[in-house]
Amino acid sequence: MLSRVLRLVPLLGLLCGPAVAAPPLPIPDDLIISMQRGNCEGGCPVYRIVIFANGDVIWQGRARVARLGVVLSTIERDQIRALLEGLESADYLHLENIYGFRGNGCTSQKPDMPMVITSLAMGGLAKILSHHDGCVGEVSEKLTAIEDSIDKAVNAERWITGKSSGKKQ
């Protein structure tokens, strides 16, 4: 009986041993994530954000934002990983190219909303996607979450409204 128990001890060690954390998602050196928000009839902010693998960020305020022109900033690699995870969970590279006007994936549309163009380039692959922000549907919700996460990662609110959320500039 004891010999049977002793044979199970190594198995118990495997099952009850400390959990090993998965390695962090690698960030390809050639990674570029970008987003551009367009105009709308109601006067939406118009700007572009470009994020590079090393954490460098370029903001270009074009219209109806507190900070017009170009600003250089940085974000942490963990923020880049979070953006990549969001893009991966939405299966971004396999989505249609257009959602909204002249595209698929909308059950209905809200008027007077801007077009948002996002892009992802990494590992020799590239995807550009146009999303009408008034598009209502499951994929549109995922795209809106991605777009909002890009704004949040770079703290775009400070440049859009001039109010900082406390993050470094």
N, C-alpha and C. Protein backbone atom coordinates (compact mmCIF):
# COMPACT_ATOMS: atom_id res chain seq x y z
N MET A 1 0.81 -1.19 0.00
CA MET A 1 0.00 0.00 0.00
C MET A 1 0.86 1.26 0.00
N LEU A 2 1.89 1.27 0.86
CA LEU A 2 2.77 2.43 0.93
C LEU A 2 3.48 2.68 -0.40
N SER A 3 3.85 1.60 -1.09
CA SER A 3 4.53 1.77 -2.38
C SER A 3 3.62 2.45 -3.40
N ARG A 4 2.33 2.15 -3.33
CA ARG A 4 1.38 2.83 -4.24
C ARG A 4 1.30 4.32 -3.91
N VAL A 5 1.27 4.64 -2.66
CA VAL A 5 1.18 6.04 -2.25
C VAL A 5 2.45 6.77 -2.66
N LEU A 6 3.60 6.14 -2.46
CA LEU A 6 4.86 6.77 -2.83
C LEU A 6 4.96 7.02 -4.33
N ARG A 7 4.35 6.14 -5.13
CA ARG A 7 4.35 6.36 -6.58
C ARG A 7 3.49 7.56 -6.97
N LEU A 8 2.50 7.90 -6.15
CA LEU A 8 1.63 9.03 -6.45
C LEU A 8 2.21 10.37 -6.01
N VAL A 9 3.18 10.34 -5.10
CA VAL A 9 3.74 11.59 -4.59
C VAL A 9 4.29 12.49 -5.71
N PRO A 10 5.08 11.97 -6.66
CA PRO A 10 5.55 12.85 -7.73
C PRO A 10 4.40 13.47 -8.53
N LEU A 11 3.32 12.72 -8.75
CA LEU A 11 2.18 13.27 -9.47
C LEU A 11 1.51 14.38 -8.69
N LEU A 12 1.41 14.20 -7.37
CA LEU A 12 0.82 15.25 -6.54
C LEU A 12 1.66 16.52 -6.60
N GLY A 13 2.97 16.35 -6.67
CA GLY A 13 3.86 17.50 -6.78
C GLY A 13 3.60 18.27 -8.07
N LEU A 14 3.34 17.56 -9.14
CA LEU A 14 3.03 18.23 -10.41
C LEU A 14 1.71 18.96 -10.35
N LEU A 15 0.72 18.33 -9.72
CA LEU A 15 -0.61 18.92 -9.65
C LEU A 15 -0.70 20.05 -8.65
N CYS A 16 0.03 19.94 -7.55
CA CYS A 16 -0.09 20.91 -6.47
C CYS A 16 1.08 21.89 -6.40
N GLY A 17 2.03 21.76 -7.30
CA GLY A 17 3.21 22.61 -7.28
C GLY A 17 2.86 24.04 -7.60
N PRO A 18 3.82 24.94 -7.45
CA PRO A 18 3.55 26.35 -7.73
C PRO A 18 3.23 26.56 -9.21
N ALA A 19 2.30 27.46 -9.45
CA ALA A 19 1.91 27.78 -10.83
C ALA A 19 3.02 28.60 -11.48
N VAL A 20 3.28 28.31 -12.72
CA VAL A 20 4.29 29.04 -13.47
C VAL A 20 3.55 30.03 -14.37
N ALA A 21 3.88 31.29 -14.22
CA ALA A 21 3.22 32.33 -15.01
C ALA A 21 3.66 32.23 -16.47
N ALA A 22 2.72 32.48 -17.34
CA ALA A 22 3.03 32.48 -18.76
C ALA A 22 3.95 33.67 -19.06
N PRO A 23 4.89 33.48 -19.98
CA PRO A 23 5.77 34.61 -20.32
C PRO A 23 4.96 35.73 -20.94
N PRO A 24 5.40 36.98 -20.75
CA PRO A 24 4.64 38.09 -21.33
C PRO A 24 4.62 38.00 -22.85
N LEU A 25 3.55 38.50 -23.42
CA LEU A 25 3.39 38.53 -24.87
C LEU A 25 4.55 39.31 -25.49
N PRO A 26 5.27 38.70 -26.43
CA PRO A 26 6.39 39.43 -27.04
C PRO A 26 5.87 40.58 -27.91
N ILE A 27 6.62 41.65 -27.96
CA ILE A 27 6.29 42.79 -28.78
C ILE A 27 7.25 42.80 -29.97
N PRO A 28 6.74 42.55 -31.18
CA PRO A 28 7.63 42.56 -32.35
C PRO A 28 8.31 43.93 -32.51
N ASP A 29 9.57 43.92 -32.90
CA ASP A 29 10.33 45.16 -33.06
C ASP A 29 9.74 46.09 -34.11
N ASP A 30 9.03 45.52 -35.09
CA ASP A 30 8.48 46.34 -36.17
C ASP A 30 7.02 46.75 -35.94
N LEU A 31 6.54 46.59 -34.72
CA LEU A 31 5.14 46.89 -34.40
C LEU A 31 4.83 48.38 -34.57
N ILE A 32 3.71 48.66 -35.23
CA ILE A 32 3.16 50.01 -35.30
C ILE A 32 1.64 49.87 -35.17
N ILE A 33 1.07 50.57 -34.22
CA ILE A 33 -0.38 50.64 -34.04
C ILE A 33 -0.77 52.09 -34.28
N SER A 34 -1.78 52.31 -35.11
CA SER A 34 -2.21 53.69 -35.33
C SER A 34 -3.72 53.80 -35.31
N MET A 35 -4.18 55.01 -35.02
CA MET A 35 -5.61 55.30 -35.03
C MET A 35 -5.81 56.74 -35.46
N GLN A 36 -6.80 56.95 -36.29
CA GLN A 36 -7.15 58.29 -36.74
C GLN A 36 -8.65 58.47 -36.59
N ARG A 37 -9.04 59.48 -35.85
CA ARG A 37 -10.47 59.80 -35.70
C ARG A 37 -10.80 60.97 -36.63
N GLY A 38 -11.90 60.80 -37.37
CA GLY A 38 -12.27 61.80 -38.36
C GLY A 38 -13.33 62.76 -37.88
N ASN A 39 -13.72 63.61 -38.79
CA ASN A 39 -14.69 64.66 -38.53
C ASN A 39 -16.11 64.10 -38.50
N CYS A 40 -17.00 64.84 -37.89
CA CYS A 40 -18.43 64.52 -37.95
C CYS A 40 -19.19 65.84 -38.00
N GLU A 41 -20.47 65.78 -38.28
CA GLU A 41 -21.27 67.00 -38.42
C GLU A 41 -21.32 67.79 -37.12
N GLY A 42 -21.26 67.11 -35.99
CA GLY A 42 -21.35 67.77 -34.70
C GLY A 42 -20.04 68.35 -34.20
N GLY A 43 -18.99 68.25 -34.98
CA GLY A 43 -17.71 68.83 -34.57
C GLY A 43 -16.89 67.93 -33.68
N CYS A 44 -16.68 66.70 -34.08
CA CYS A 44 -15.88 65.75 -33.31
C CYS A 44 -14.40 66.10 -33.36
N PRO A 45 -13.64 65.72 -32.33
CA PRO A 45 -12.19 65.92 -32.37
C PRO A 45 -11.58 65.13 -33.52
N VAL A 46 -10.61 65.74 -34.19
CA VAL A 46 -9.93 65.10 -35.31
C VAL A 46 -8.45 65.00 -34.96
N TYR A 47 -7.96 63.76 -34.89
CA TYR A 47 -6.56 63.56 -34.51
C TYR A 47 -6.06 62.20 -34.96
N ARG A 48 -4.76 62.04 -34.85
CA ARG A 48 -4.10 60.78 -35.20
C ARG A 48 -3.13 60.42 -34.08
N ILE A 49 -3.05 59.11 -33.79
CA ILE A 49 -2.12 58.57 -32.80
C ILE A 49 -1.33 57.45 -33.47
N VAL A 50 -0.02 57.45 -33.29
CA VAL A 50 0.83 56.37 -33.79
C VAL A 50 1.66 55.87 -32.61
N ILE A 51 1.65 54.56 -32.40
CA ILE A 51 2.39 53.93 -31.30
C ILE A 51 3.39 52.95 -31.90
N PHE A 52 4.64 53.06 -31.45
CA PHE A 52 5.72 52.19 -31.94
C PHE A 52 6.09 51.15 -30.88
N ALA A 53 6.76 50.10 -31.32
CA ALA A 53 7.14 48.97 -30.46
C ALA A 53 7.93 49.39 -29.23
N ASN A 54 8.76 50.41 -29.37
CA ASN A 54 9.60 50.84 -28.24
C ASN A 54 8.86 51.73 -27.25
N GLY A 55 7.58 52.01 -27.52
CA GLY A 55 6.78 52.83 -26.62
C GLY A 55 6.66 54.28 -27.05
N ASP A 56 7.35 54.68 -28.11
CA ASP A 56 7.22 56.05 -28.61
C ASP A 56 5.82 56.27 -29.16
N VAL A 57 5.29 57.45 -28.91
CA VAL A 57 3.95 57.81 -29.37
C VAL A 57 4.02 59.15 -30.09
N ILE A 58 3.33 59.24 -31.21
CA ILE A 58 3.17 60.51 -31.92
C ILE A 58 1.69 60.87 -31.89
N TRP A 59 1.38 62.05 -31.41
CA TRP A 59 0.03 62.61 -31.43
C TRP A 59 0.03 63.73 -32.46
N GLN A 60 -0.99 63.73 -33.30
CA GLN A 60 -1.15 64.84 -34.23
C GLN A 60 -2.59 65.34 -34.10
N GLY A 61 -2.74 66.47 -33.43
CA GLY A 61 -4.06 67.09 -33.30
C GLY A 61 -4.35 67.91 -34.53
N ARG A 62 -5.50 67.64 -35.16
CA ARG A 62 -5.80 68.32 -36.43
C ARG A 62 -6.91 69.36 -36.31
N ALA A 63 -7.96 69.06 -35.52
CA ALA A 63 -9.08 70.00 -35.40
C ALA A 63 -9.90 69.68 -34.15
N ARG A 64 -10.45 70.71 -33.55
CA ARG A 64 -11.34 70.58 -32.40
C ARG A 64 -10.72 69.78 -31.24
N VAL A 65 -9.45 70.01 -31.00
CA VAL A 65 -8.74 69.41 -29.86
C VAL A 65 -8.00 70.53 -29.13
N ALA A 66 -7.68 70.31 -27.87
CA ALA A 66 -6.95 71.32 -27.09
C ALA A 66 -5.51 71.46 -27.57
N ARG A 67 -4.94 70.37 -28.06
CA ARG A 67 -3.53 70.39 -28.48
C ARG A 67 -3.44 70.12 -29.98
N LEU A 68 -3.33 71.21 -30.76
CA LEU A 68 -3.14 71.08 -32.20
C LEU A 68 -1.67 70.82 -32.48
N GLY A 69 -1.39 70.15 -33.57
CA GLY A 69 -0.01 69.91 -33.96
C GLY A 69 0.52 68.59 -33.44
N VAL A 70 1.83 68.46 -33.47
CA VAL A 70 2.49 67.19 -33.15
C VAL A 70 3.05 67.22 -31.73
N VAL A 71 2.84 66.13 -31.02
CA VAL A 71 3.41 65.93 -29.68
C VAL A 71 4.06 64.56 -29.67
N LEU A 72 5.24 64.48 -29.08
CA LEU A 72 5.92 63.20 -28.90
C LEU A 72 5.78 62.79 -27.44
N SER A 73 5.50 61.52 -27.21
CA SER A 73 5.32 61.01 -25.86
C SER A 73 5.77 59.55 -25.82
N THR A 74 5.60 58.90 -24.70
CA THR A 74 5.92 57.47 -24.58
C THR A 74 4.88 56.78 -23.71
N ILE A 75 4.78 55.47 -23.91
CA ILE A 75 3.97 54.64 -23.03
C ILE A 75 4.81 53.43 -22.62
N GLU A 76 4.36 52.73 -21.60
CA GLU A 76 5.06 51.56 -21.09
C GLU A 76 4.81 50.35 -21.98
N ARG A 77 5.74 49.42 -21.97
CA ARG A 77 5.61 48.20 -22.78
C ARG A 77 4.40 47.37 -22.34
N ASP A 78 4.06 47.41 -21.06
CA ASP A 78 2.87 46.68 -20.60
C ASP A 78 1.60 47.22 -21.25
N GLN A 79 1.57 48.52 -21.50
CA GLN A 79 0.42 49.11 -22.18
C GLN A 79 0.36 48.63 -23.63
N ILE A 80 1.52 48.51 -24.25
CA ILE A 80 1.57 48.00 -25.63
C ILE A 80 1.09 46.55 -25.65
N ARG A 81 1.55 45.75 -24.69
CA ARG A 81 1.11 44.35 -24.61
C ARG A 81 -0.41 44.27 -24.43
N ALA A 82 -0.96 45.12 -23.59
CA ALA A 82 -2.41 45.13 -23.38
C ALA A 82 -3.14 45.47 -24.68
N LEU A 83 -2.61 46.43 -25.44
CA LEU A 83 -3.22 46.76 -26.74
C LEU A 83 -3.15 45.56 -27.69
N LEU A 84 -1.99 44.91 -27.73
CA LEU A 84 -1.83 43.72 -28.58
C LEU A 84 -2.80 42.61 -28.19
N GLU A 85 -2.96 42.40 -26.89
CA GLU A 85 -3.89 41.37 -26.41
C GLU A 85 -5.32 41.70 -26.84
N GLY A 86 -5.70 42.98 -26.75
CA GLY A 86 -7.03 43.39 -27.19
C GLY A 86 -7.23 43.18 -28.69
N LEU A 87 -6.21 43.52 -29.47
CA LEU A 87 -6.29 43.31 -30.92
C LEU A 87 -6.36 41.82 -31.25
N GLU A 88 -5.58 41.03 -30.53
CA GLU A 88 -5.59 39.58 -30.75
C GLU A 88 -6.92 38.97 -30.35
N SER A 89 -7.48 39.39 -29.22
CA SER A 89 -8.75 38.80 -28.78
C SER A 89 -9.90 39.16 -29.72
N ALA A 90 -9.79 40.29 -30.41
CA ALA A 90 -10.80 40.67 -31.41
C ALA A 90 -10.53 40.04 -32.76
N ASP A 91 -9.42 39.30 -32.88
CA ASP A 91 -9.00 38.70 -34.14
C ASP A 91 -8.89 39.76 -35.23
N TYR A 92 -8.28 40.88 -34.86
CA TYR A 92 -8.20 42.08 -35.68
C TYR A 92 -7.70 41.81 -37.10
N LEU A 93 -6.65 41.03 -37.24
CA LEU A 93 -6.07 40.80 -38.57
C LEU A 93 -7.01 40.05 -39.51
N HIS A 94 -8.05 39.41 -38.97
CA HIS A 94 -8.97 38.65 -39.81
C HIS A 94 -10.34 39.32 -39.97
N LEU A 95 -10.49 40.52 -39.46
CA LEU A 95 -11.75 41.23 -39.60
C LEU A 95 -11.89 41.79 -41.01
N GLU A 96 -13.11 42.17 -41.37
CA GLU A 96 -13.35 42.84 -42.65
C GLU A 96 -12.60 44.17 -42.65
N ASN A 97 -12.46 44.79 -43.80
CA ASN A 97 -11.74 46.06 -43.88
C ASN A 97 -12.60 47.27 -43.52
N ILE A 98 -13.93 47.13 -43.66
CA ILE A 98 -14.83 48.26 -43.43
C ILE A 98 -16.03 47.79 -42.62
N TYR A 99 -16.34 48.53 -41.56
CA TYR A 99 -17.56 48.32 -40.77
C TYR A 99 -18.29 49.64 -40.70
N GLY A 100 -19.52 49.63 -41.15
CA GLY A 100 -20.31 50.86 -41.16
C GLY A 100 -20.74 51.16 -42.57
N PHE A 101 -20.75 52.43 -42.92
CA PHE A 101 -21.17 52.82 -44.26
C PHE A 101 -20.37 52.07 -45.31
N ARG A 102 -21.06 51.46 -46.23
CA ARG A 102 -20.46 50.66 -47.31
C ARG A 102 -19.69 49.45 -46.79
N GLY A 103 -19.99 49.03 -45.59
CA GLY A 103 -19.32 47.88 -45.01
C GLY A 103 -20.33 46.95 -44.36
N ASN A 104 -19.83 45.94 -43.69
CA ASN A 104 -20.67 44.93 -43.06
C ASN A 104 -20.68 45.11 -41.55
N GLY A 105 -21.42 44.24 -40.89
CA GLY A 105 -21.32 44.12 -39.45
C GLY A 105 -22.15 45.07 -38.62
N CYS A 106 -23.05 45.85 -39.24
CA CYS A 106 -23.87 46.78 -38.47
C CYS A 106 -25.32 46.32 -38.48
N THR A 107 -25.90 46.25 -37.30
CA THR A 107 -27.32 45.95 -37.22
C THR A 107 -28.13 47.24 -37.38
N SER A 108 -27.51 48.37 -37.00
CA SER A 108 -28.10 49.69 -37.23
C SER A 108 -26.97 50.71 -37.16
N GLN A 109 -27.30 51.98 -37.46
CA GLN A 109 -26.27 53.02 -37.43
C GLN A 109 -26.81 54.27 -36.78
N LYS A 110 -25.97 54.91 -35.99
CA LYS A 110 -26.29 56.20 -35.39
C LYS A 110 -25.70 57.27 -36.32
N PRO A 111 -26.47 58.31 -36.61
CA PRO A 111 -25.94 59.36 -37.49
C PRO A 111 -24.95 60.26 -36.76
N ASP A 112 -24.27 61.08 -37.52
CA ASP A 112 -23.37 62.11 -37.01
C ASP A 112 -22.26 61.55 -36.12
N MET A 113 -21.65 60.48 -36.57
CA MET A 113 -20.51 59.91 -35.85
C MET A 113 -19.32 59.85 -36.81
N PRO A 114 -18.11 59.94 -36.28
CA PRO A 114 -16.93 59.97 -37.16
C PRO A 114 -16.51 58.58 -37.64
N MET A 115 -15.71 58.58 -38.68
CA MET A 115 -15.01 57.36 -39.10
C MET A 115 -13.75 57.27 -38.24
N VAL A 116 -13.42 56.04 -37.87
CA VAL A 116 -12.19 55.80 -37.12
C VAL A 116 -11.39 54.78 -37.93
N ILE A 117 -10.18 55.13 -38.26
CA ILE A 117 -9.33 54.24 -39.04
C ILE A 117 -8.21 53.77 -38.12
N THR A 118 -8.13 52.46 -37.94
CA THR A 118 -7.06 51.88 -37.15
C THR A 118 -6.18 51.04 -38.06
N SER A 119 -4.95 50.85 -37.63
CA SER A 119 -4.07 49.97 -38.38
C SER A 119 -3.13 49.26 -37.42
N LEU A 120 -2.71 48.09 -37.86
CA LEU A 120 -1.75 47.28 -37.12
C LEU A 120 -0.75 46.74 -38.13
N ALA A 121 0.53 46.97 -37.85
CA ALA A 121 1.59 46.41 -38.69
C ALA A 121 2.59 45.73 -37.76
N MET A 122 2.92 44.47 -38.09
CA MET A 122 3.91 43.74 -37.30
C MET A 122 4.27 42.45 -38.02
N GLY A 123 5.51 42.06 -37.89
CA GLY A 123 5.94 40.79 -38.44
C GLY A 123 5.69 40.64 -39.93
N GLY A 124 5.76 41.71 -40.67
CA GLY A 124 5.53 41.64 -42.11
C GLY A 124 4.06 41.63 -42.50
N LEU A 125 3.15 41.70 -41.52
CA LEU A 125 1.71 41.74 -41.79
C LEU A 125 1.20 43.15 -41.52
N ALA A 126 0.16 43.54 -42.23
CA ALA A 126 -0.44 44.85 -41.99
C ALA A 126 -1.93 44.78 -42.25
N LYS A 127 -2.68 45.55 -41.47
CA LYS A 127 -4.14 45.60 -41.62
C LYS A 127 -4.58 47.03 -41.36
N ILE A 128 -5.41 47.57 -42.25
CA ILE A 128 -6.03 48.87 -42.06
C ILE A 128 -7.53 48.64 -42.06
N LEU A 129 -8.20 49.20 -41.06
CA LEU A 129 -9.62 48.95 -40.89
C LEU A 129 -10.36 50.27 -40.68
N SER A 130 -11.43 50.48 -41.44
CA SER A 130 -12.28 51.66 -41.28
C SER A 130 -13.54 51.26 -40.52
N HIS A 131 -13.87 52.06 -39.52
CA HIS A 131 -15.02 51.74 -38.67
C HIS A 131 -15.84 53.01 -38.47
N HIS A 132 -17.07 52.98 -38.91
CA HIS A 132 -17.96 54.11 -38.65
C HIS A 132 -18.38 54.00 -37.19
N ASP A 133 -18.07 55.01 -36.40
CA ASP A 133 -18.30 54.95 -34.96
C ASP A 133 -19.79 54.86 -34.60
N GLY A 134 -20.65 55.11 -35.57
CA GLY A 134 -22.08 54.99 -35.32
C GLY A 134 -22.63 53.61 -35.63
N CYS A 135 -21.79 52.72 -36.09
CA CYS A 135 -22.18 51.34 -36.41
C CYS A 135 -22.52 50.62 -35.11
N VAL A 136 -23.65 49.94 -35.09
CA VAL A 136 -24.07 49.18 -33.92
C VAL A 136 -24.02 47.70 -34.28
N GLY A 137 -23.31 46.94 -33.51
CA GLY A 137 -23.19 45.51 -33.75
C GLY A 137 -22.08 44.92 -32.90
N GLU A 138 -21.98 43.61 -32.89
CA GLU A 138 -21.01 42.91 -32.04
C GLU A 138 -19.57 43.27 -32.38
N VAL A 139 -19.23 43.23 -33.66
CA VAL A 139 -17.86 43.56 -34.06
C VAL A 139 -17.57 45.03 -33.79
N SER A 140 -18.55 45.88 -34.03
CA SER A 140 -18.38 47.31 -33.79
C SER A 140 -18.06 47.58 -32.32
N GLU A 141 -18.69 46.85 -31.42
CA GLU A 141 -18.41 47.02 -29.99
C GLU A 141 -16.95 46.65 -29.68
N LYS A 142 -16.45 45.60 -30.31
CA LYS A 142 -15.05 45.22 -30.12
C LYS A 142 -14.12 46.29 -30.65
N LEU A 143 -14.46 46.83 -31.82
CA LEU A 143 -13.62 47.88 -32.42
C LEU A 143 -13.63 49.14 -31.57
N THR A 144 -14.79 49.51 -31.06
CA THR A 144 -14.88 50.67 -30.18
C THR A 144 -14.03 50.46 -28.94
N ALA A 145 -14.04 49.26 -28.39
CA ALA A 145 -13.21 48.96 -27.21
C ALA A 145 -11.72 49.10 -27.54
N ILE A 146 -11.32 48.62 -28.71
CA ILE A 146 -9.92 48.77 -29.15
C ILE A 146 -9.56 50.24 -29.29
N GLU A 147 -10.42 51.00 -29.96
CA GLU A 147 -10.17 52.43 -30.17
C GLU A 147 -10.06 53.17 -28.84
N ASP A 148 -10.98 52.87 -27.94
CA ASP A 148 -10.94 53.51 -26.62
C ASP A 148 -9.70 53.11 -25.84
N SER A 149 -9.25 51.87 -26.01
CA SER A 149 -8.05 51.43 -25.29
C SER A 149 -6.79 52.13 -25.83
N ILE A 150 -6.78 52.45 -27.11
CA ILE A 150 -5.66 53.21 -27.67
C ILE A 150 -5.65 54.61 -27.07
N ASP A 151 -6.82 55.27 -27.04
CA ASP A 151 -6.91 56.60 -26.42
C ASP A 151 -6.45 56.55 -24.97
N LYS A 152 -6.90 55.55 -24.24
CA LYS A 152 -6.57 55.44 -22.82
C LYS A 152 -5.08 55.16 -22.62
N ALA A 153 -4.50 54.28 -23.43
CA ALA A 153 -3.09 53.92 -23.28
C ALA A 153 -2.18 55.14 -23.39
N VAL A 154 -2.51 56.06 -24.28
CA VAL A 154 -1.66 57.24 -24.49
C VAL A 154 -2.16 58.45 -23.71
N ASN A 155 -3.26 58.27 -22.96
CA ASN A 155 -3.88 59.37 -22.22
C ASN A 155 -4.23 60.52 -23.17
N ALA A 156 -4.93 60.19 -24.25
CA ALA A 156 -5.28 61.17 -25.27
C ALA A 156 -6.18 62.28 -24.73
N GLU A 157 -6.88 62.00 -23.66
CA GLU A 157 -7.79 62.99 -23.08
C GLU A 157 -7.08 64.32 -22.79
N ARG A 158 -5.81 64.24 -22.38
CA ARG A 158 -5.05 65.46 -22.06
C ARG A 158 -4.88 66.34 -23.29
N TRP A 159 -4.80 65.74 -24.48
CA TRP A 159 -4.63 66.52 -25.70
C TRP A 159 -5.97 66.88 -26.33
N ILE A 160 -6.99 66.05 -26.08
CA ILE A 160 -8.32 66.33 -26.64
C ILE A 160 -8.99 67.47 -25.88
N THR A 161 -9.03 67.36 -24.55
CA THR A 161 -9.75 68.35 -23.74
C THR A 161 -8.83 69.31 -23.00
N GLY A 162 -7.54 68.97 -22.89
CA GLY A 162 -6.61 69.77 -22.12
C GLY A 162 -6.59 69.39 -20.65
N LYS A 163 -7.38 68.39 -20.27
CA LYS A 163 -7.43 67.94 -18.87
C LYS A 163 -6.64 66.64 -18.75
N SER A 164 -5.68 66.62 -17.86
CA SER A 164 -4.83 65.44 -17.68
C SER A 164 -5.46 64.48 -16.70
N SER A 165 -5.27 63.18 -16.97
CA SER A 165 -5.77 62.17 -16.04
C SER A 165 -4.71 61.80 -15.01
N GLY A 166 -3.63 62.58 -14.95
CA GLY A 166 -2.59 62.32 -13.97
C GLY A 166 -1.42 61.54 -14.50
N LYS A 167 -1.49 61.05 -15.73
CA LYS A 167 -0.37 60.31 -16.31
C LYS A 167 0.68 61.28 -16.80
N LYS A 168 1.91 60.78 -16.94
CA LYS A 168 2.98 61.63 -17.43
C LYS A 168 2.73 62.02 -18.89
N GLN A 169 3.21 63.17 -19.26
CA GLN A 169 3.01 63.64 -20.64
C GLN A 169 4.20 63.41 -21.49
